Amino acid sequence: MNTQWQRPHIIGVAGGSGSGKTYFARELQNLLGKDHCSILYQDNYYHDQSARFDGDGGSVNFDHPESLDFALLAAGLRTLKQGKTLSVPLYDFVTHTRKVETESKEPTRIVLVDGILILHSPEVRAELDEAIYFDTPEFIRFERRLQRDVEERGRTPEGVRKQFDLQVRPMHNMFVEPSKEHAHRVIKDHEDYHRALAQVRLHLATKFNI
């Protein structure tokens, strides 16, 4: 490790499912360079739901805070802050189990934490240096989630719609949207998105000389 290494600067990137936060995080990482910027995904930290999963669009609520192991995520951020390698859990969205294998992640100068509920969790918020929230209209978020869940997670369109109506929308209104108050920056529309990406990249590149 570089002798001039400094503690990672940790930025939360939050917003509803399909809000554009993951795309933003990946674009920012590409602009800053993967040697300087890494991403930690909330989706890796789901509790094992295999014993409770009862079908596509069933009763298991993946958008409720209790479905996530925030204590483990917060502990992982502290590990990176200490300059140690983190073993990131891997969640299988087809079998709804946590895989045996893990992914090793080295600390980088910038660490982005991507997830819909990260600003809801006091444990995770305590480890963040900055927070960005994507405030995106519901119809756009649904269209993006539908495409992702069908193409990447083996879901059916009917199951995705059922889950959105019964779980995603109410959980967004109850937990995700209120967490916006903890954000340092709120990004609302497409034009603001690109301006914000350029501003955040310039801010970080200048501040940390990367």
C-alpha atoms as a PDB file:
ATOM      1  CA  MET A   1       0.000   0.000   0.000  1.00  0.00           C
ATOM      2  CA  ASN A   2       1.185   3.535  -0.771  1.00  0.00           C
ATOM      3  CA  THR A   3       2.933   5.103   2.235  1.00  0.00           C
ATOM      4  CA  GLN A   4       0.994   8.294   1.523  1.00  0.00           C
ATOM      5  CA  TRP A   5      -2.304   6.426   1.811  1.00  0.00           C
ATOM      6  CA  GLN A   6      -5.133   8.330   3.449  1.00  0.00           C
ATOM      7  CA  ARG A   7      -8.431   7.137   4.861  1.00  0.00           C
ATOM      8  CA  PRO A   8     -11.024   6.580   2.126  1.00  0.00           C
ATOM      9  CA  HIS A   9     -13.535   9.351   1.502  1.00  0.00           C
ATOM     10  CA  ILE A  10     -16.907   7.601   1.586  1.00  0.00           C
ATOM     11  CA  ILE A  11     -19.880   8.890  -0.390  1.00  0.00           C
ATOM     12  CA  GLY A  12     -23.388   7.490  -0.172  1.00  0.00           C
ATOM     13  CA  VAL A  13     -25.310   7.385  -3.464  1.00  0.00           C
ATOM     14  CA  ALA A  14     -28.982   6.805  -2.665  1.00  0.00           C
ATOM     15  CA  GLY A  15     -32.464   7.089  -4.166  1.00  0.00           C
ATOM     16  CA  GLY A  16     -35.317   4.839  -5.176  1.00  0.00           C
ATOM     17  CA  SER A  17     -34.866   1.639  -7.156  1.00  0.00           C
ATOM     18  CA  GLY A  18     -34.294   2.656 -10.782  1.00  0.00           C
ATOM     19  CA  SER A  19     -33.536   6.261  -9.872  1.00  0.00           C
ATOM     20  CA  GLY A  20     -30.219   6.354 -11.745  1.00  0.00           C
ATOM     21  CA  LYS A  21     -27.950   6.168  -8.710  1.00  0.00           C
ATOM     22  CA  THR A  22     -26.081   3.043  -9.836  1.00  0.00           C
ATOM     23  CA  TYR A  23     -25.494   4.434 -13.319  1.00  0.00           C
ATOM     24  CA  PHE A  24     -24.193   7.636 -11.738  1.00  0.00           C
ATOM     25  CA  ALA A  25     -21.863   5.739  -9.399  1.00  0.00           C
ATOM     26  CA  ARG A  26     -20.428   3.693 -12.262  1.00  0.00           C
ATOM     27  CA  GLU A  27     -19.958   6.742 -14.488  1.00  0.00           C
ATOM     28  CA  LEU A  28     -18.243   8.598 -11.659  1.00  0.00           C
ATOM     29  CA  GLN A  29     -15.982   5.611 -11.023  1.00  0.00           C
ATOM     30  CA  ASN A  30     -15.026   5.491 -14.710  1.00  0.00           C
ATOM     31  CA  LEU A  31     -14.254   9.214 -14.744  1.00  0.00           C
ATOM     32  CA  LEU A  32     -12.103   9.062 -11.606  1.00  0.00           C
ATOM     33  CA  GLY A  33     -10.514   5.712 -12.452  1.00  0.00           C
ATOM     34  CA  LYS A  34     -10.989   2.365 -10.722  1.00  0.00           C
ATOM     35  CA  ASP A  35      -7.607   2.697  -9.009  1.00  0.00           C
ATOM     36  CA  HIS A  36      -8.946   5.742  -7.182  1.00  0.00           C
ATOM     37  CA  CYS A  37     -12.648   4.978  -6.863  1.00  0.00           C
ATOM     38  CA  SER A  38     -14.529   1.800  -5.933  1.00  0.00           C
ATOM     39  CA  ILE A  39     -18.202   0.965  -5.372  1.00  0.00           C
ATOM     40  CA  LEU A  40     -19.798  -0.986  -2.540  1.00  0.00           C
ATOM     41  CA  TYR A  41     -23.354  -2.133  -3.280  1.00  0.00           C
ATOM     42  CA  GLN A  42     -26.130  -2.386  -0.705  1.00  0.00           C
ATOM     43  CA  ASP A  43     -27.558  -5.273  -2.741  1.00  0.00           C
ATOM     44  CA  ASN A  44     -24.678  -7.496  -1.610  1.00  0.00           C
ATOM     45  CA  TYR A  45     -25.865  -7.199   1.968  1.00  0.00           C
ATOM     46  CA  TYR A  46     -29.297  -8.836   1.864  1.00  0.00           C
ATOM     47  CA  HIS A  47     -30.057 -11.409   4.523  1.00  0.00           C
ATOM     48  CA  ASP A  48     -30.573 -14.924   3.177  1.00  0.00           C
ATOM     49  CA  GLN A  49     -34.255 -15.099   2.140  1.00  0.00           C
ATOM     50  CA  SER A  50     -34.335 -18.599   0.639  1.00  0.00           C
ATOM     51  CA  ALA A  51     -36.385 -20.107   3.483  1.00  0.00           C
ATOM     52  CA  ARG A  52     -39.046 -17.407   3.168  1.00  0.00           C
ATOM     53  CA  PHE A  53     -39.169 -16.769  -0.571  1.00  0.00           C
ATOM     54  CA  ASP A  54     -42.584 -17.902  -1.850  1.00  0.00           C
ATOM     55  CA  GLY A  55     -42.513 -16.987  -5.519  1.00  0.00           C
ATOM     56  CA  ASP A  56     -41.945 -14.170  -7.940  1.00  0.00           C
ATOM     57  CA  GLY A  57     -43.568 -11.047  -6.526  1.00  0.00           C
ATOM     58  CA  GLY A  58     -44.369 -12.930  -3.310  1.00  0.00           C
ATOM     59  CA  SER A  59     -44.467 -11.839   0.303  1.00  0.00           C
ATOM     60  CA  VAL A  60     -40.719 -11.412   0.938  1.00  0.00           C
ATOM     61  CA  ASN A  61     -40.158  -7.672   1.058  1.00  0.00           C
ATOM     62  CA  PHE A  62     -36.716  -6.863  -0.343  1.00  0.00           C
ATOM     63  CA  ASP A  63     -37.376  -3.115  -0.029  1.00  0.00           C
ATOM     64  CA  HIS A  64     -37.884  -3.124   3.744  1.00  0.00           C
ATOM     65  CA  PRO A  65     -34.869  -2.136   5.877  1.00  0.00           C
ATOM     66  CA  GLU A  66     -35.116  -5.380   7.847  1.00  0.00           C
ATOM     67  CA  SER A  67     -34.170  -7.353   4.720  1.00  0.00           C
ATOM     68  CA  LEU A  68     -30.663  -5.856   4.810  1.00  0.00           C
ATOM     69  CA  ASP A  69     -27.658  -6.434   7.046  1.00  0.00           C
ATOM     70  CA  PHE A  70     -26.729  -2.802   7.663  1.00  0.00           C
ATOM     71  CA  ALA A  71     -24.532  -3.705  10.620  1.00  0.00           C
ATOM     72  CA  LEU A  72     -22.333  -5.801   8.338  1.00  0.00           C
ATOM     73  CA  LEU A  73     -22.241  -3.045   5.704  1.00  0.00           C
ATOM     74  CA  ALA A  74     -21.224  -0.431   8.287  1.00  0.00           C
ATOM     75  CA  ALA A  75     -18.563  -2.785   9.634  1.00  0.00           C
ATOM     76  CA  GLY A  76     -17.266  -3.225   6.093  1.00  0.00           C
ATOM     77  CA  LEU A  77     -16.908   0.531   5.683  1.00  0.00           C
ATOM     78  CA  ARG A  78     -14.933   0.687   8.919  1.00  0.00           C
ATOM     79  CA  THR A  79     -12.673  -2.084   7.608  1.00  0.00           C
ATOM     80  CA  LEU A  80     -11.926  -0.042   4.492  1.00  0.00           C
ATOM     81  CA  LYS A  81     -11.285   3.045   6.619  1.00  0.00           C
ATOM     82  CA  GLN A  82      -8.629   1.072   8.484  1.00  0.00           C
ATOM     83  CA  GLY A  83      -6.861   0.329   5.203  1.00  0.00           C
ATOM     84  CA  LYS A  84      -7.760  -3.348   5.271  1.00  0.00           C
ATOM     85  CA  THR A  85      -9.057  -5.607   2.511  1.00  0.00           C
ATOM     86  CA  LEU A  86     -12.795  -6.189   2.752  1.00  0.00           C
ATOM     87  CA  SER A  87     -14.477  -9.517   1.982  1.00  0.00           C
ATOM     88  CA  VAL A  88     -17.744  -8.453   0.357  1.00  0.00           C
ATOM     89  CA  PRO A  89     -20.645 -10.937   0.540  1.00  0.00           C
ATOM     90  CA  LEU A  90     -22.333 -11.931  -2.726  1.00  0.00           C
ATOM     91  CA  TYR A  91     -26.114 -12.332  -2.928  1.00  0.00           C
ATOM     92  CA  ASP A  92     -27.768 -14.585  -5.496  1.00  0.00           C
ATOM     93  CA  PHE A  93     -31.064 -13.023  -6.611  1.00  0.00           C
ATOM     94  CA  VAL A  94     -32.156 -16.216  -8.360  1.00  0.00           C
ATOM     95  CA  THR A  95     -31.859 -18.552  -5.345  1.00  0.00           C
ATOM     96  CA  HIS A  96     -32.159 -15.755  -2.734  1.00  0.00           C
ATOM     97  CA  THR A  97     -29.172 -17.021  -0.824  1.00  0.00           C
ATOM     98  CA  ARG A  98     -25.876 -15.506   0.210  1.00  0.00           C
ATOM     99  CA  LYS A  99     -23.140 -17.250  -1.746  1.00  0.00           C
ATOM    100  CA  VAL A 100     -20.307 -19.072  -0.030  1.00  0.00           C
ATOM    101  CA  GLU A 101     -17.703 -17.150  -2.007  1.00  0.00           C
ATOM    102  CA  THR A 102     -16.977 -13.492  -1.361  1.00  0.00           C
ATOM    103  CA  GLU A 103     -15.363 -10.684  -3.348  1.00  0.00           C
ATOM    104  CA  SER A 104     -12.190  -9.002  -2.102  1.00  0.00           C
ATOM    105  CA  LYS A 105     -12.213  -5.220  -2.191  1.00  0.00           C
ATOM    106  CA  GLU A 106      -9.178  -3.080  -1.486  1.00  0.00           C
ATOM    107  CA  PRO A 107      -9.606   0.417  -0.002  1.00  0.00           C
ATOM    108  CA  THR A 108      -9.444   3.215  -2.563  1.00  0.00           C
ATOM    109  CA  ARG A 109      -9.240   6.971  -2.099  1.00  0.00           C
ATOM    110  CA  ILE A 110     -12.945   7.310  -2.910  1.00  0.00           C
ATOM    111  CA  VAL A 111     -15.530   4.688  -1.934  1.00  0.00           C
ATOM    112  CA  LEU A 112     -19.068   5.022  -3.281  1.00  0.00           C
ATOM    113  CA  VAL A 113     -21.829   3.226  -1.377  1.00  0.00           C
ATOM    114  CA  ASP A 114     -24.801   2.507  -3.642  1.00  0.00           C
ATOM    115  CA  GLY A 115     -28.229   1.608  -2.281  1.00  0.00           C
ATOM    116  CA  ILE A 116     -31.840   2.654  -1.862  1.00  0.00           C
ATOM    117  CA  LEU A 117     -31.820   2.526   1.941  1.00  0.00           C
ATOM    118  CA  ILE A 118     -28.306   3.498   2.941  1.00  0.00           C
ATOM    119  CA  LEU A 119     -29.420   6.946   4.131  1.00  0.00           C
ATOM    120  CA  HIS A 120     -32.179   5.375   6.201  1.00  0.00           C
ATOM    121  CA  SER A 121     -29.669   3.412   8.288  1.00  0.00           C
ATOM    122  CA  PRO A 122     -28.057   5.420  11.124  1.00  0.00           C
ATOM    123  CA  GLU A 123     -25.221   2.868  11.260  1.00  0.00           C
ATOM    124  CA  VAL A 124     -24.321   3.380   7.623  1.00  0.00           C
ATOM    125  CA  ARG A 125     -24.894   7.147   7.668  1.00  0.00           C
ATOM    126  CA  ALA A 126     -22.370   7.424  10.503  1.00  0.00           C
ATOM    127  CA  GLU A 127     -19.662   6.101   8.167  1.00  0.00           C
ATOM    128  CA  LEU A 128     -20.417   8.460   5.251  1.00  0.00           C
ATOM    129  CA  ASP A 129     -18.539  11.665   4.521  1.00  0.00           C
ATOM    130  CA  GLU A 130     -21.011  12.853   1.882  1.00  0.00           C
ATOM    131  CA  ALA A 131     -24.400  11.751   0.581  1.00  0.00           C
ATOM    132  CA  ILE A 132     -26.143  12.175  -2.777  1.00  0.00           C
ATOM    133  CA  TYR A 133     -29.836  11.382  -3.350  1.00  0.00           C
ATOM    134  CA  PHE A 134     -31.543  10.828  -6.723  1.00  0.00           C
ATOM    135  CA  ASP A 135     -35.108  12.151  -6.750  1.00  0.00           C
ATOM    136  CA  THR A 136     -36.557  10.476  -9.865  1.00  0.00           C
ATOM    137  CA  PRO A 137     -40.238  10.208 -10.968  1.00  0.00           C
ATOM    138  CA  GLU A 138     -41.925   6.912 -10.164  1.00  0.00           C
ATOM    139  CA  PHE A 139     -42.785   5.953 -13.767  1.00  0.00           C
ATOM    140  CA  ILE A 140     -39.113   6.167 -14.766  1.00  0.00           C
ATOM    141  CA  ARG A 141     -38.017   4.159 -11.756  1.00  0.00           C
ATOM    142  CA  PHE A 142     -40.542   1.405 -12.519  1.00  0.00           C
ATOM    143  CA  GLU A 143     -39.543   1.102 -16.177  1.00  0.00           C
ATOM    144  CA  ARG A 144     -35.881   0.751 -15.238  1.00  0.00           C
ATOM    145  CA  ARG A 145     -36.591  -1.775 -12.480  1.00  0.00           C
ATOM    146  CA  LEU A 146     -38.794  -3.832 -14.791  1.00  0.00           C
ATOM    147  CA  GLN A 147     -36.041  -4.100 -17.388  1.00  0.00           C
ATOM    148  CA  ARG A 148     -33.365  -4.927 -14.813  1.00  0.00           C
ATOM    149  CA  ASP A 149     -35.317  -7.566 -12.907  1.00  0.00           C
ATOM    150  CA  VAL A 150     -36.471  -9.383 -16.037  1.00  0.00           C
ATOM    151  CA  GLU A 151     -33.109  -9.286 -17.835  1.00  0.00           C
ATOM    152  CA  GLU A 152     -30.718  -9.720 -14.907  1.00  0.00           C
ATOM    153  CA  ARG A 153     -32.660 -11.457 -12.131  1.00  0.00           C
ATOM    154  CA  GLY A 154     -34.868 -13.951 -13.936  1.00  0.00           C
ATOM    155  CA  ARG A 155     -38.130 -12.278 -12.942  1.00  0.00           C
ATOM    156  CA  THR A 156     -41.435 -12.117 -14.823  1.00  0.00           C
ATOM    157  CA  PRO A 157     -43.026  -8.778 -15.776  1.00  0.00           C
ATOM    158  CA  GLU A 158     -46.142  -9.737 -13.798  1.00  0.00           C
ATOM    159  CA  GLY A 159     -44.114 -10.507 -10.698  1.00  0.00           C
ATOM    160  CA  VAL A 160     -42.147  -7.274 -10.993  1.00  0.00           C
ATOM    161  CA  ARG A 161     -45.365  -5.219 -11.277  1.00  0.00           C
ATOM    162  CA  LYS A 162     -46.948  -7.009  -8.320  1.00  0.00           C
ATOM    163  CA  GLN A 163     -43.856  -6.466  -6.190  1.00  0.00           C
ATOM    164  CA  PHE A 164     -43.680  -2.799  -7.196  1.00  0.00           C
ATOM    165  CA  ASP A 165     -47.300  -2.136  -6.279  1.00  0.00           C
ATOM    166  CA  LEU A 166     -47.321  -4.091  -3.015  1.00  0.00           C
ATOM    167  CA  GLN A 167     -43.806  -3.441  -1.731  1.00  0.00           C
ATOM    168  CA  VAL A 168     -41.565  -1.103  -3.718  1.00  0.00           C
ATOM    169  CA  ARG A 169     -43.917   1.881  -3.841  1.00  0.00           C
ATOM    170  CA  PRO A 170     -45.012   1.777  -0.170  1.00  0.00           C
ATOM    171  CA  MET A 171     -41.463   1.136   1.062  1.00  0.00           C
ATOM    172  CA  HIS A 172     -40.170   3.996  -1.071  1.00  0.00           C
ATOM    173  CA  ASN A 173     -42.747   6.346   0.409  1.00  0.00           C
ATOM    174  CA  MET A 174     -42.167   5.097   3.954  1.00  0.00           C
ATOM    175  CA  PHE A 175     -38.381   4.721   4.117  1.00  0.00           C
ATOM    176  CA  VAL A 176     -36.513   5.807   0.974  1.00  0.00           C
ATOM    177  CA  GLU A 177     -38.055   9.185   0.197  1.00  0.00           C
ATOM    178  CA  PRO A 178     -37.834  10.459   3.817  1.00  0.00           C
ATOM    179  CA  SER A 179     -34.118   9.592   3.894  1.00  0.00           C
ATOM    180  CA  LYS A 180     -33.569  12.358   1.338  1.00  0.00           C
ATOM    181  CA  GLU A 181     -33.288  14.809   4.238  1.00  0.00           C
ATOM    182  CA  HIS A 182     -29.886  13.308   5.077  1.00  0.00           C
ATOM    183  CA  ALA A 183     -28.410  14.036   1.622  1.00  0.00           C
ATOM    184  CA  HIS A 184     -25.930  16.827   0.966  1.00  0.00           C
ATOM    185  CA  ARG A 185     -27.002  16.985  -2.686  1.00  0.00           C
ATOM    186  CA  VAL A 186     -30.320  16.065  -4.332  1.00  0.00           C
ATOM    187  CA  ILE A 187     -30.327  15.388  -8.084  1.00  0.00           C
ATOM    188  CA  LYS A 188     -33.759  15.765  -9.657  1.00  0.00           C
ATOM    189  CA  ASP A 189     -33.688  15.688 -13.429  1.00  0.00           C
ATOM    190  CA  HIS A 190     -31.672  14.604 -16.459  1.00  0.00           C
ATOM    191  CA  GLU A 191     -30.085  18.008 -17.031  1.00  0.00           C
ATOM    192  CA  ASP A 192     -29.137  18.320 -13.384  1.00  0.00           C
ATOM    193  CA  TYR A 193     -27.755  14.760 -13.485  1.00  0.00           C
ATOM    194  CA  HIS A 194     -25.051  15.531 -16.039  1.00  0.00           C
ATOM    195  CA  ARG A 195     -24.203  18.840 -14.415  1.00  0.00           C
ATOM    196  CA  ALA A 196     -23.964  17.156 -11.024  1.00  0.00           C
ATOM    197  CA  LEU A 197     -21.756  14.375 -12.410  1.00  0.00           C
ATOM    198  CA  ALA A 198     -19.317  16.921 -13.807  1.00  0.00           C
ATOM    199  CA  GLN A 199     -19.359  18.957 -10.601  1.00  0.00           C
ATOM    200  CA  VAL A 200     -18.831  15.959  -8.316  1.00  0.00           C
ATOM    201  CA  ARG A 201     -16.021  14.611 -10.515  1.00  0.00           C
ATOM    202  CA  LEU A 202     -14.250  17.971 -10.546  1.00  0.00           C
ATOM    203  CA  HIS A 203     -14.723  18.428  -6.798  1.00  0.00           C
ATOM    204  CA  LEU A 204     -13.261  15.027  -5.957  1.00  0.00           C
ATOM    205  CA  ALA A 205     -10.462  15.136  -8.526  1.00  0.00           C
ATOM    206  CA  THR A 206      -9.363  18.530  -7.264  1.00  0.00           C
ATOM    207  CA  LYS A 207      -9.765  17.849  -3.550  1.00  0.00           C
ATOM    208  CA  PHE A 208      -7.929  14.538  -3.614  1.00  0.00           C
ATOM    209  CA  ASN A 209      -5.558  15.207  -6.506  1.00  0.00           C
ATOM    210  CA  ILE A 210      -6.704  12.238  -8.592  1.00  0.00           C
END
